[in-house]
PDB file of all heavy atoms in Angstrom:
ATOM      1  N   ALA A   1      11.305  12.117 -25.702  1.00  0.00           N
ATOM      2  CA  ALA A   1       9.937  12.340 -25.253  1.00  0.00           C
ATOM      3  C   ALA A   1       9.909  12.814 -23.800  1.00  0.00           C
ATOM      4  O   ALA A   1      10.792  12.496 -23.010  1.00  0.00           O
ATOM      5  CB  ALA A   1       9.123  11.056 -25.391  1.00  0.00           C
ATOM      6  N   GLU A   2       8.855  13.563 -23.484  1.00  0.00           N
ATOM      7  CA  GLU A   2       8.572  13.849 -22.083  1.00  0.00           C
ATOM      8  C   GLU A   2       8.035  12.565 -21.449  1.00  0.00           C
ATOM      9  O   GLU A   2       7.224  11.867 -22.045  1.00  0.00           O
ATOM     10  CB  GLU A   2       7.515  14.960 -21.973  1.00  0.00           C
ATOM     11  CG  GLU A   2       7.040  15.243 -20.567  1.00  0.00           C
ATOM     12  CD  GLU A   2       5.773  16.078 -20.519  1.00  0.00           C
ATOM     13  OE1 GLU A   2       5.330  16.561 -21.581  1.00  0.00           O
ATOM     14  OE2 GLU A   2       5.210  16.230 -19.414  1.00  0.00           O
ATOM     15  N   VAL A   3       8.494  12.254 -20.240  1.00  0.00           N
ATOM     16  CA  VAL A   3       8.065  11.028 -19.562  1.00  0.00           C
ATOM     17  C   VAL A   3       7.249  11.391 -18.319  1.00  0.00           C
ATOM     18  O   VAL A   3       7.678  12.210 -17.507  1.00  0.00           O
ATOM     19  CB  VAL A   3       9.270  10.158 -19.154  1.00  0.00           C
ATOM     20  CG1 VAL A   3       8.800   8.934 -18.352  1.00  0.00           C
ATOM     21  CG2 VAL A   3      10.045   9.705 -20.399  1.00  0.00           C
ATOM     22  N   LYS A   4       6.081  10.781 -18.213  1.00  0.00           N
ATOM     23  CA  LYS A   4       5.227  11.018 -17.055  1.00  0.00           C
ATOM     24  C   LYS A   4       4.739   9.665 -16.541  1.00  0.00           C
ATOM     25  O   LYS A   4       4.251   8.844 -17.319  1.00  0.00           O
ATOM     26  CB  LYS A   4       4.042  11.900 -17.429  1.00  0.00           C
ATOM     27  CG  LYS A   4       3.228  12.360 -16.222  1.00  0.00           C
ATOM     28  CD  LYS A   4       2.292  13.483 -16.579  1.00  0.00           C
ATOM     29  CE  LYS A   4       1.538  13.997 -15.353  1.00  0.00           C
ATOM     30  NZ  LYS A   4       2.428  14.536 -14.309  1.00  0.00           N
ATOM     31  N   ILE A   5       4.878   9.438 -15.248  1.00  0.00           N
ATOM     32  CA  ILE A   5       4.436   8.183 -14.638  1.00  0.00           C
ATOM     33  C   ILE A   5       3.317   8.504 -13.654  1.00  0.00           C
ATOM     34  O   ILE A   5       3.464   9.392 -12.801  1.00  0.00           O
ATOM     35  CB  ILE A   5       5.602   7.473 -13.936  1.00  0.00           C
ATOM     36  CG1 ILE A   5       6.649   7.069 -14.982  1.00  0.00           C
ATOM     37  CG2 ILE A   5       5.113   6.242 -13.179  1.00  0.00           C
ATOM     38  CD1 ILE A   5       7.906   6.462 -14.423  1.00  0.00           C
ATOM     39  N   ILE A   6       2.197   7.811 -13.794  1.00  0.00           N
ATOM     40  CA  ILE A   6       1.052   8.054 -12.916  1.00  0.00           C
ATOM     41  C   ILE A   6       0.626   6.750 -12.255  1.00  0.00           C
ATOM     42  O   ILE A   6       0.784   5.667 -12.819  1.00  0.00           O
ATOM     43  CB  ILE A   6      -0.127   8.709 -13.668  1.00  0.00           C
ATOM     44  CG1 ILE A   6      -0.607   7.824 -14.815  1.00  0.00           C
ATOM     45  CG2 ILE A   6       0.243  10.084 -14.164  1.00  0.00           C
ATOM     46  CD1 ILE A   6      -1.797   8.413 -15.558  1.00  0.00           C
ATOM     47  N   TYR A   7       0.077   6.886 -11.062  1.00  0.00           N
ATOM     48  CA  TYR A   7      -0.297   5.726 -10.245  1.00  0.00           C
ATOM     49  C   TYR A   7      -1.774   5.773  -9.868  1.00  0.00           C
ATOM     50  O   TYR A   7      -2.372   6.840  -9.749  1.00  0.00           O
ATOM     51  CB  TYR A   7       0.522   5.692  -8.953  1.00  0.00           C
ATOM     52  CG  TYR A   7       1.953   5.269  -9.097  1.00  0.00           C
ATOM     53  CD1 TYR A   7       2.933   6.188  -9.473  1.00  0.00           C
ATOM     54  CD2 TYR A   7       2.348   3.962  -8.842  1.00  0.00           C
ATOM     55  CE1 TYR A   7       4.267   5.817  -9.587  1.00  0.00           C
ATOM     56  CE2 TYR A   7       3.674   3.577  -8.947  1.00  0.00           C
ATOM     57  CZ  TYR A   7       4.627   4.505  -9.319  1.00  0.00           C
ATOM     58  OH  TYR A   7       5.953   4.128  -9.427  1.00  0.00           O
ATOM     59  N   GLN A   8      -2.299   4.582  -9.628  1.00  0.00           N
ATOM     60  CA  GLN A   8      -3.629   4.441  -9.072  1.00  0.00           C
ATOM     61  C   GLN A   8      -3.667   5.046  -7.664  1.00  0.00           C
ATOM     62  O   GLN A   8      -2.653   5.076  -6.968  1.00  0.00           O
ATOM     63  CB  GLN A   8      -3.961   2.944  -8.985  1.00  0.00           C
ATOM     64  CG  GLN A   8      -5.343   2.586  -8.520  1.00  0.00           C
ATOM     65  CD  GLN A   8      -6.355   2.879  -9.603  1.00  0.00           C
ATOM     66  OE1 GLN A   8      -6.948   3.950  -9.607  1.00  0.00           O
ATOM     67  NE2 GLN A   8      -6.511   1.960 -10.540  1.00  0.00           N
ATOM     68  N   SER A   9      -4.841   5.466  -7.211  1.00  0.00           N
ATOM     69  CA  SER A   9      -4.990   5.926  -5.833  1.00  0.00           C
ATOM     70  C   SER A   9      -5.388   4.757  -4.943  1.00  0.00           C
ATOM     71  O   SER A   9      -5.966   3.767  -5.402  1.00  0.00           O
ATOM     72  CB  SER A   9      -6.048   7.026  -5.737  1.00  0.00           C
ATOM     73  OG  SER A   9      -7.342   6.486  -5.956  1.00  0.00           O
ATOM     74  N   VAL A  10      -5.090   4.869  -3.654  1.00  0.00           N
ATOM     75  CA  VAL A  10      -5.464   3.826  -2.698  1.00  0.00           C
ATOM     76  C   VAL A  10      -6.984   3.722  -2.599  1.00  0.00           C
ATOM     77  O   VAL A  10      -7.538   2.623  -2.495  1.00  0.00           O
ATOM     78  CB  VAL A  10      -4.835   4.100  -1.318  1.00  0.00           C
ATOM     79  CG1 VAL A  10      -5.361   3.116  -0.275  1.00  0.00           C
ATOM     80  CG2 VAL A  10      -3.312   4.020  -1.398  1.00  0.00           C
ATOM     81  N   ASP A  11      -7.679   4.857  -2.644  1.00  0.00           N
ATOM     82  CA  ASP A  11      -9.143   4.830  -2.585  1.00  0.00           C
ATOM     83  C   ASP A  11      -9.722   4.040  -3.754  1.00  0.00           C
ATOM     84  O   ASP A  11     -10.669   3.253  -3.585  1.00  0.00           O
ATOM     85  CB  ASP A  11      -9.703   6.254  -2.598  1.00  0.00           C
ATOM     86  CG  ASP A  11      -9.489   6.978  -1.276  1.00  0.00           C
ATOM     87  OD1 ASP A  11      -9.207   6.288  -0.270  1.00  0.00           O
ATOM     88  OD2 ASP A  11      -9.587   8.219  -1.248  1.00  0.00           O
ATOM     89  N   ASN A  12      -9.174   4.237  -4.944  1.00  0.00           N
ATOM     90  CA  ASN A  12      -9.652   3.485  -6.105  1.00  0.00           C
ATOM     91  C   ASN A  12      -9.329   2.003  -5.984  1.00  0.00           C
ATOM     92  O   ASN A  12     -10.101   1.144  -6.428  1.00  0.00           O
ATOM     93  CB  ASN A  12      -9.036   4.040  -7.388  1.00  0.00           C
ATOM     94  CG  ASN A  12      -9.722   5.313  -7.860  1.00  0.00           C
ATOM     95  OD1 ASN A  12     -10.786   5.665  -7.373  1.00  0.00           O
ATOM     96  ND2 ASN A  12      -9.101   5.998  -8.799  1.00  0.00           N
ATOM     97  N   LEU A  13      -8.180   1.688  -5.388  1.00  0.00           N
ATOM     98  CA  LEU A  13      -7.828   0.282  -5.155  1.00  0.00           C
ATOM     99  C   LEU A  13      -8.888  -0.382  -4.287  1.00  0.00           C
ATOM    100  O   LEU A  13      -9.353  -1.485  -4.594  1.00  0.00           O
ATOM    101  CB  LEU A  13      -6.463   0.194  -4.485  1.00  0.00           C
ATOM    102  CG  LEU A  13      -6.068  -1.194  -3.965  1.00  0.00           C
ATOM    103  CD1 LEU A  13      -5.824  -2.156  -5.113  1.00  0.00           C
ATOM    104  CD2 LEU A  13      -4.835  -1.106  -3.075  1.00  0.00           C
ATOM    105  N   HIS A  14      -9.283   0.279  -3.225  1.00  0.00           N
ATOM    106  CA  HIS A  14     -10.299  -0.278  -2.340  1.00  0.00           C
ATOM    107  C   HIS A  14     -11.646  -0.384  -3.039  1.00  0.00           C
ATOM    108  O   HIS A  14     -12.408  -1.329  -2.783  1.00  0.00           O
ATOM    109  CB  HIS A  14     -10.424   0.586  -1.089  1.00  0.00           C
ATOM    110  CG  HIS A  14      -9.224   0.514  -0.205  1.00  0.00           C
ATOM    111  ND1 HIS A  14      -9.013   1.389   0.841  1.00  0.00           N
ATOM    112  CD2 HIS A  14      -8.159  -0.325  -0.198  1.00  0.00           C
ATOM    113  CE1 HIS A  14      -7.870   1.086   1.444  1.00  0.00           C
ATOM    114  NE2 HIS A  14      -7.332   0.057   0.830  1.00  0.00           N
ATOM    115  N   GLN A  15     -11.932   0.554  -3.912  1.00  0.00           N
ATOM    116  CA  GLN A  15     -13.189   0.498  -4.660  1.00  0.00           C
ATOM    117  C   GLN A  15     -13.198  -0.686  -5.617  1.00  0.00           C
ATOM    118  O   GLN A  15     -14.214  -1.368  -5.776  1.00  0.00           O
ATOM    119  CB  GLN A  15     -13.392   1.803  -5.436  1.00  0.00           C
ATOM    120  CG  GLN A  15     -14.720   1.878  -6.191  1.00  0.00           C
ATOM    121  CD  GLN A  15     -14.893   3.205  -6.903  1.00  0.00           C
ATOM    122  OE1 GLN A  15     -14.360   4.229  -6.480  1.00  0.00           O
ATOM    123  NE2 GLN A  15     -15.626   3.203  -8.015  1.00  0.00           N
ATOM    124  N   ALA A  16     -12.053  -0.946  -6.235  1.00  0.00           N
ATOM    125  CA  ALA A  16     -11.969  -2.046  -7.204  1.00  0.00           C
ATOM    126  C   ALA A  16     -11.900  -3.405  -6.525  1.00  0.00           C
ATOM    127  O   ALA A  16     -12.415  -4.395  -7.061  1.00  0.00           O
ATOM    128  CB  ALA A  16     -10.743  -1.853  -8.103  1.00  0.00           C
ATOM    129  N   CYS A  17     -11.264  -3.471  -5.355  1.00  0.00           N
ATOM    130  CA  CYS A  17     -11.076  -4.747  -4.644  1.00  0.00           C
ATOM    131  C   CYS A  17     -11.663  -4.635  -3.237  1.00  0.00           C
ATOM    132  O   CYS A  17     -10.921  -4.661  -2.241  1.00  0.00           O
ATOM    133  CB  CYS A  17      -9.593  -5.099  -4.569  1.00  0.00           C
ATOM    134  SG  CYS A  17      -8.719  -5.091  -6.150  1.00  0.00           S
ATOM    135  N   PRO A  18     -12.969  -4.522  -3.116  1.00  0.00           N
ATOM    136  CA  PRO A  18     -13.582  -4.224  -1.813  1.00  0.00           C
ATOM    137  C   PRO A  18     -13.447  -5.337  -0.792  1.00  0.00           C
ATOM    138  O   PRO A  18     -13.581  -5.089   0.411  1.00  0.00           O
ATOM    139  CB  PRO A  18     -15.053  -3.972  -2.170  1.00  0.00           C
ATOM    140  CG  PRO A  18     -15.274  -4.734  -3.444  1.00  0.00           C
ATOM    141  CD  PRO A  18     -13.975  -4.635  -4.193  1.00  0.00           C
ATOM    142  N   GLU A  19     -13.203  -6.574  -1.229  1.00  0.00           N
ATOM    143  CA  GLU A  19     -13.090  -7.699  -0.296  1.00  0.00           C
ATOM    144  C   GLU A  19     -11.651  -7.972   0.111  1.00  0.00           C
ATOM    145  O   GLU A  19     -11.398  -8.775   0.998  1.00  0.00           O
ATOM    146  CB  GLU A  19     -13.692  -8.962  -0.931  1.00  0.00           C
ATOM    147  CG  GLU A  19     -15.166  -8.835  -1.295  1.00  0.00           C
ATOM    148  CD  GLU A  19     -16.025  -8.556  -0.082  1.00  0.00           C
ATOM    149  OE1 GLU A  19     -15.772  -9.173   0.976  1.00  0.00           O
ATOM    150  OE2 GLU A  19     -16.937  -7.713  -0.174  1.00  0.00           O
ATOM    151  N   ASN A  20     -10.721  -7.316  -0.546  1.00  0.00           N
ATOM    152  CA  ASN A  20      -9.298  -7.539  -0.262  1.00  0.00           C
ATOM    153  C   ASN A  20      -8.658  -6.198   0.072  1.00  0.00           C
ATOM    154  O   ASN A  20      -8.096  -5.530  -0.798  1.00  0.00           O
ATOM    155  CB  ASN A  20      -8.602  -8.188  -1.460  1.00  0.00           C
ATOM    156  CG  ASN A  20      -8.972  -9.637  -1.622  1.00  0.00           C
ATOM    157  OD1 ASN A  20     -10.149  -9.979  -1.733  1.00  0.00           O
ATOM    158  ND2 ASN A  20      -7.997 -10.513  -1.617  1.00  0.00           N
ATOM    159  N   LEU A  21      -8.718  -5.826   1.326  1.00  0.00           N
ATOM    160  CA  LEU A  21      -8.309  -4.494   1.762  1.00  0.00           C
ATOM    161  C   LEU A  21      -6.909  -4.468   2.368  1.00  0.00           C
ATOM    162  O   LEU A  21      -6.518  -3.477   2.970  1.00  0.00           O
ATOM    163  CB  LEU A  21      -9.334  -3.941   2.758  1.00  0.00           C
ATOM    164  CG  LEU A  21     -10.759  -3.794   2.206  1.00  0.00           C
ATOM    165  CD1 LEU A  21     -11.706  -3.295   3.286  1.00  0.00           C
ATOM    166  CD2 LEU A  21     -10.785  -2.851   1.005  1.00  0.00           C
ATOM    167  N   GLY A  22      -6.155  -5.544   2.205  1.00  0.00           N
ATOM    168  CA  GLY A  22      -4.773  -5.563   2.684  1.00  0.00           C
ATOM    169  C   GLY A  22      -3.908  -4.675   1.807  1.00  0.00           C
ATOM    170  O   GLY A  22      -3.549  -5.052   0.694  1.00  0.00           O
ATOM    171  N   ASP A  23      -3.548  -3.490   2.296  1.00  0.00           N
ATOM    172  CA  ASP A  23      -2.884  -2.488   1.462  1.00  0.00           C
ATOM    173  C   ASP A  23      -1.569  -2.002   2.055  1.00  0.00           C
ATOM    174  O   ASP A  23      -1.122  -0.894   1.771  1.00  0.00           O
ATOM    175  CB  ASP A  23      -3.821  -1.290   1.243  1.00  0.00           C
ATOM    176  CG  ASP A  23      -4.221  -0.608   2.553  1.00  0.00           C
ATOM    177  OD1 ASP A  23      -3.681  -0.984   3.614  1.00  0.00           O
ATOM    178  OD2 ASP A  23      -5.060   0.307   2.512  1.00  0.00           O
ATOM    179  N   TRP A  24      -0.928  -2.818   2.915  1.00  0.00           N
ATOM    180  CA  TRP A  24       0.250  -2.366   3.648  1.00  0.00           C
ATOM    181  C   TRP A  24       1.394  -1.960   2.741  1.00  0.00           C
ATOM    182  O   TRP A  24       2.206  -1.120   3.110  1.00  0.00           O
ATOM    183  CB  TRP A  24       0.698  -3.443   4.635  1.00  0.00           C
ATOM    184  CG  TRP A  24       0.944  -4.788   4.008  1.00  0.00           C
ATOM    185  CD1 TRP A  24       2.117  -5.267   3.524  1.00  0.00           C
ATOM    186  CD2 TRP A  24      -0.020  -5.831   3.809  1.00  0.00           C
ATOM    187  NE1 TRP A  24       1.963  -6.541   3.022  1.00  0.00           N
ATOM    188  CE2 TRP A  24       0.654  -6.907   3.191  1.00  0.00           C
ATOM    189  CE3 TRP A  24      -1.381  -5.948   4.083  1.00  0.00           C
ATOM    190  CZ2 TRP A  24       0.009  -8.087   2.843  1.00  0.00           C
ATOM    191  CZ3 TRP A  24      -2.020  -7.129   3.739  1.00  0.00           C
ATOM    192  CH2 TRP A  24      -1.337  -8.189   3.134  1.00  0.00           C
ATOM    193  N   TYR A  25       1.501  -2.548   1.560  1.00  0.00           N
ATOM    194  CA  TYR A  25       2.563  -2.151   0.619  1.00  0.00           C
ATOM    195  C   TYR A  25       2.454  -0.670   0.263  1.00  0.00           C
ATOM    196  O   TYR A  25       3.441   0.015   0.030  1.00  0.00           O
ATOM    197  CB  TYR A  25       2.469  -2.916  -0.700  1.00  0.00           C
ATOM    198  CG  TYR A  25       2.092  -4.351  -0.597  1.00  0.00           C
ATOM    199  CD1 TYR A  25       0.760  -4.756  -0.678  1.00  0.00           C
ATOM    200  CD2 TYR A  25       3.064  -5.318  -0.427  1.00  0.00           C
ATOM    201  CE1 TYR A  25       0.411  -6.081  -0.594  1.00  0.00           C
ATOM    202  CE2 TYR A  25       2.728  -6.658  -0.344  1.00  0.00           C
ATOM    203  CZ  TYR A  25       1.395  -7.031  -0.422  1.00  0.00           C
ATOM    204  OH  TYR A  25       1.043  -8.350  -0.330  1.00  0.00           O
ATOM    205  N   PHE A  26       1.213  -0.190   0.198  1.00  0.00           N
ATOM    206  CA  PHE A  26       0.929   1.156  -0.287  1.00  0.00           C
ATOM    207  C   PHE A  26       0.759   2.167   0.843  1.00  0.00           C
ATOM    208  O   PHE A  26       1.083   3.339   0.685  1.00  0.00           O
ATOM    209  CB  PHE A  26      -0.351   1.139  -1.126  1.00  0.00           C
ATOM    210  CG  PHE A  26      -0.439  -0.026  -2.069  1.00  0.00           C
ATOM    211  CD1 PHE A  26      -1.414  -1.005  -1.909  1.00  0.00           C
ATOM    212  CD2 PHE A  26       0.458  -0.164  -3.112  1.00  0.00           C
ATOM    213  CE1 PHE A  26      -1.499  -2.085  -2.775  1.00  0.00           C
ATOM    214  CE2 PHE A  26       0.392  -1.245  -3.980  1.00  0.00           C
ATOM    215  CZ  PHE A  26      -0.587  -2.207  -3.809  1.00  0.00           C
ATOM    216  N   THR A  27       0.235   1.731   1.996  1.00  0.00           N
ATOM    217  CA  THR A  27      -0.102   2.646   3.079  1.00  0.00           C
ATOM    218  C   THR A  27       0.770   2.490   4.317  1.00  0.00           C
ATOM    219  O   THR A  27       0.820   3.388   5.157  1.00  0.00           O
ATOM    220  CB  THR A  27      -1.567   2.437   3.515  1.00  0.00           C
ATOM    221  OG1 THR A  27      -1.697   1.112   4.076  1.00  0.00           O
ATOM    222  CG2 THR A  27      -2.516   2.589   2.329  1.00  0.00           C
ATOM    223  N   GLY A  28       1.397   1.343   4.466  1.00  0.00           N
ATOM    224  CA  GLY A  28       2.143   1.069   5.689  1.00  0.00           C
ATOM    225  C   GLY A  28       1.265   0.620   6.841  1.00  0.00           C
ATOM    226  O   GLY A  28       1.744   0.488   7.976  1.00  0.00           O
ATOM    227  N   ASN A  29      -0.011   0.362   6.563  1.00  0.00           N
ATOM    228  CA  ASN A  29      -0.928  -0.102   7.610  1.00  0.00           C
ATOM    229  C   ASN A  29      -0.879  -1.633   7.672  1.00  0.00           C
ATOM    230  O   ASN A  29      -1.680  -2.322   7.040  1.00  0.00           O
ATOM    231  CB  ASN A  29      -2.346   0.386   7.320  1.00  0.00           C
ATOM    232  CG  ASN A  29      -2.447   1.899   7.323  1.00  0.00           C
ATOM    233  OD1 ASN A  29      -1.758   2.570   8.085  1.00  0.00           O
ATOM    234  ND2 ASN A  29      -3.296   2.446   6.472  1.00  0.00           N
ATOM    235  N   TYR A  30       0.055  -2.156   8.435  1.00  0.00           N
ATOM    236  CA  TYR A  30       0.259  -3.602   8.507  1.00  0.00           C
ATOM    237  C   TYR A  30      -0.827  -4.256   9.362  1.00  0.00           C
ATOM    238  O   TYR A  30      -1.215  -3.709  10.400  1.00  0.00           O
ATOM    239  CB  TYR A  30       1.639  -3.912   9.082  1.00  0.00           C
ATOM    240  CG  TYR A  30       2.758  -3.597   8.129  1.00  0.00           C
ATOM    241  CD1 TYR A  30       3.328  -2.327   8.107  1.00  0.00           C
ATOM    242  CD2 TYR A  30       3.237  -4.537   7.235  1.00  0.00           C
ATOM    243  CE1 TYR A  30       4.356  -2.010   7.225  1.00  0.00           C
ATOM    244  CE2 TYR A  30       4.262  -4.248   6.348  1.00  0.00           C
ATOM    245  CZ  TYR A  30       4.813  -2.977   6.346  1.00  0.00           C
ATOM    246  OH  TYR A  30       5.816  -2.677   5.460  1.00  0.00           O
ATOM    247  N   PRO A  31      -1.305  -5.418   8.956  1.00  0.00           N
ATOM    248  CA  PRO A  31      -2.369  -6.088   9.710  1.00  0.00           C
ATOM    249  C   PRO A  31      -1.900  -6.808  10.963  1.00  0.00           C
ATOM    250  O   PRO A  31      -2.713  -7.207  11.782  1.00  0.00           O
ATOM    251  CB  PRO A  31      -2.943  -7.085   8.701  1.00  0.00           C
ATOM    252  CG  PRO A  31      -1.814  -7.362   7.763  1.00  0.00           C
ATOM    253  CD  PRO A  31      -1.020  -6.091   7.677  1.00  0.00           C
ATOM    254  N   THR A  32      -0.587  -6.994  11.115  1.00  0.00           N
ATOM    255  CA  THR A  32      -0.069  -7.660  12.312  1.00  0.00           C
ATOM    256  C   THR A  32       1.044  -6.805  12.923  1.00  0.00           C
ATOM    257  O   THR A  32       1.722  -6.046  12.210  1.00  0.00           O
ATOM    258  CB  THR A  32       0.501  -9.055  11.993  1.00  0.00           C
ATOM    259  OG1 THR A  32       1.768  -8.919  11.333  1.00  0.00           O
ATOM    260  CG2 THR A  32      -0.453  -9.852  11.112  1.00  0.00           C
ATOM    261  N   PRO A  33       1.264  -6.912  14.228  1.00  0.00           N
ATOM    262  CA  PRO A  33       2.324  -6.126  14.875  1.00  0.00           C
ATOM    263  C   PRO A  33       3.708  -6.384  14.287  1.00  0.00           C
ATOM    264  O   PRO A  33       4.542  -5.487  14.231  1.00  0.00           O
ATOM    265  CB  PRO A  33       2.256  -6.577  16.346  1.00  0.00           C
ATOM    266  CG  PRO A  33       0.876  -7.099  16.526  1.00  0.00           C
ATOM    267  CD  PRO A  33       0.496  -7.711  15.209  1.00  0.00           C
ATOM    268  N   GLY A  34       3.935  -7.623  13.842  1.00  0.00           N
ATOM    269  CA  GLY A  34       5.232  -7.943  13.272  1.00  0.00           C
ATOM    270  C   GLY A  34       5.564  -7.123  12.043  1.00  0.00           C
ATOM    271  O   GLY A  34       6.737  -6.881  11.740  1.00  0.00           O
ATOM    272  N   GLY A  35       4.540  -6.684  11.318  1.00  0.00           N
ATOM    273  CA  GLY A  35       4.768  -5.862  10.131  1.00  0.00           C
ATOM    274  C   GLY A  35       5.425  -4.540  10.469  1.00  0.00           C
ATOM    275  O   GLY A  35       6.328  -4.073   9.760  1.00  0.00           O
ATOM    276  N   ASN A  36       4.978  -3.911  11.569  1.00  0.00           N
ATOM    277  CA  ASN A  36       5.576  -2.640  11.982  1.00  0.00           C
ATOM    278  C   ASN A  36       7.037  -2.823  12.378  1.00  0.00           C
ATOM    279  O   ASN A  36       7.884  -1.969  12.098  1.00  0.00           O
ATOM    280  CB  ASN A  36       4.792  -2.053  13.161  1.00  0.00           C
ATOM    281  CG  ASN A  36       3.404  -1.600  12.756  1.00  0.00           C
ATOM    282  OD1 ASN A  36       3.163  -1.247  11.600  1.00  0.00           O
ATOM    283  ND2 ASN A  36       2.478  -1.630  13.694  1.00  0.00           N
ATOM    284  N   LYS A  37       7.321  -3.930  13.005  1.00  0.00           N
ATOM    285  CA  LYS A  37       8.710  -4.199  13.405  1.00  0.00           C
ATOM    286  C   LYS A  37       9.592  -4.387  12.162  1.00  0.00           C
ATOM    287  O   LYS A  37      10.722  -3.897  12.106  1.00  0.00           O
ATOM    288  CB  LYS A  37       8.754  -5.447  14.288  1.00  0.00           C
ATOM    289  CG  LYS A  37      10.003  -5.563  15.152  1.00  0.00           C
ATOM    290  CD  LYS A  37       9.858  -6.671  16.167  1.00  0.00           C
ATOM    291  CE  LYS A  37      11.070  -6.740  17.094  1.00  0.00           C
ATOM    292  NZ  LYS A  37      11.126  -5.625  18.049  1.00  0.00           N
ATOM    293  N   VAL A  38       9.063  -5.063  11.159  1.00  0.00           N
ATOM    294  CA  VAL A  38       9.829  -5.317   9.935  1.00  0.00           C
ATOM    295  C   VAL A  38      10.092  -4.021   9.172  1.00  0.00           C
ATOM    296  O   VAL A  38      11.207  -3.778   8.698  1.00  0.00           O
ATOM    297  CB  VAL A  38       9.086  -6.329   9.035  1.00  0.00           C
ATOM    298  CG1 VAL A  38       9.679  -6.344   7.631  1.00  0.00           C
ATOM    299  CG2 VAL A  38       9.157  -7.726   9.636  1.00  0.00           C
ATOM    300  N   VAL A  39       9.079  -3.157   9.031  1.00  0.00           N
ATOM    301  CA  VAL A  39       9.273  -1.940   8.240  1.00  0.00           C
ATOM    302  C   VAL A  39      10.281  -1.014   8.917  1.00  0.00           C
ATOM    303  O   VAL A  39      11.112  -0.384   8.251  1.00  0.00           O
ATOM    304  CB  VAL A  39       7.935  -1.216   7.967  1.00  0.00           C
ATOM    305  CG1 VAL A  39       7.324  -0.641   9.236  1.00  0.00           C
ATOM    306  CG2 VAL A  39       8.124  -0.110   6.933  1.00  0.00           C
ATOM    307  N   ASN A  40      10.242  -0.917  10.250  1.00  0.00           N
ATOM    308  CA  ASN A  40      11.230  -0.098  10.949  1.00  0.00           C
ATOM    309  C   ASN A  40      12.632  -0.658  10.774  1.00  0.00           C
ATOM    310  O   ASN A  40      13.601   0.087  10.576  1.00  0.00           O
ATOM    311  CB  ASN A  40      10.882  -0.023  12.441  1.00  0.00           C
ATOM    312  CG  ASN A  40       9.726   0.923  12.715  1.00  0.00           C
ATOM    313  OD1 ASN A  40       9.267   1.631  11.826  1.00  0.00           O
ATOM    314  ND2 ASN A  40       9.246   0.927  13.944  1.00  0.00           N
ATOM    315  N   ARG A  41      12.752  -1.981  10.853  1.00  0.00           N
ATOM    316  CA  ARG A  41      14.057  -2.607  10.666  1.00  0.00           C
ATOM    317  C   ARG A  41      14.568  -2.355   9.245  1.00  0.00           C
ATOM    318  O   ARG A  41      15.753  -2.088   9.039  1.00  0.00           O
ATOM    319  CB  ARG A  41      13.969  -4.105  10.946  1.00  0.00           C
ATOM    320  CG  ARG A  41      15.331  -4.808  10.924  1.00  0.00           C
ATOM    321  CD  ARG A  41      15.174  -6.306  11.115  1.00  0.00           C
ATOM    322  NE  ARG A  41      14.517  -6.610  12.374  1.00  0.00           N
ATOM    323  CZ  ARG A  41      13.543  -7.499  12.506  1.00  0.00           C
ATOM    324  NH1 ARG A  41      13.108  -8.163  11.453  1.00  0.00           N
ATOM    325  NH2 ARG A  41      13.010  -7.724  13.683  1.00  0.00           N
ATOM    326  N   ALA A  42      13.668  -2.426   8.259  1.00  0.00           N
ATOM    327  CA  ALA A  42      14.069  -2.177   6.872  1.00  0.00           C
ATOM    328  C   ALA A  42      14.597  -0.752   6.706  1.00  0.00           C
ATOM    329  O   ALA A  42      15.575  -0.521   5.978  1.00  0.00           O
ATOM    330  CB  ALA A  42      12.877  -2.410   5.939  1.00  0.00           C
ATOM    331  N   PHE A  43      13.971   0.213   7.388  1.00  0.00           N
ATOM    332  CA  PHE A  43      14.442   1.597   7.300  1.00  0.00           C
ATOM    333  C   PHE A  43      15.789   1.762   8.004  1.00  0.00           C
ATOM    334  O   PHE A  43      16.684   2.452   7.490  1.00  0.00           O
ATOM    335  CB  PHE A  43      13.399   2.539   7.913  1.00  0.00           C
ATOM    336  CG  PHE A  43      13.752   3.993   7.760  1.00  0.00           C
ATOM    337  CD1 PHE A  43      13.598   4.631   6.546  1.00  0.00           C
ATOM    338  CD2 PHE A  43      14.270   4.712   8.838  1.00  0.00           C
ATOM    339  CE1 PHE A  43      13.933   5.970   6.402  1.00  0.00           C
ATOM    340  CE2 PHE A  43      14.612   6.048   8.703  1.00  0.00           C
ATOM    341  CZ  PHE A  43      14.442   6.684   7.475  1.00  0.00           C
TER     342      PHE A  43
END
């Protein structure tokens, strides 16, 4: 079979979960300074 994988958009995520906007897994926008330090270290 042909295989196709599709993902939700970040905008739709925010629309579906308007009170929970923590999206750093998807956008890299960490809510604390320590998050930026961790992602750089991981890279």
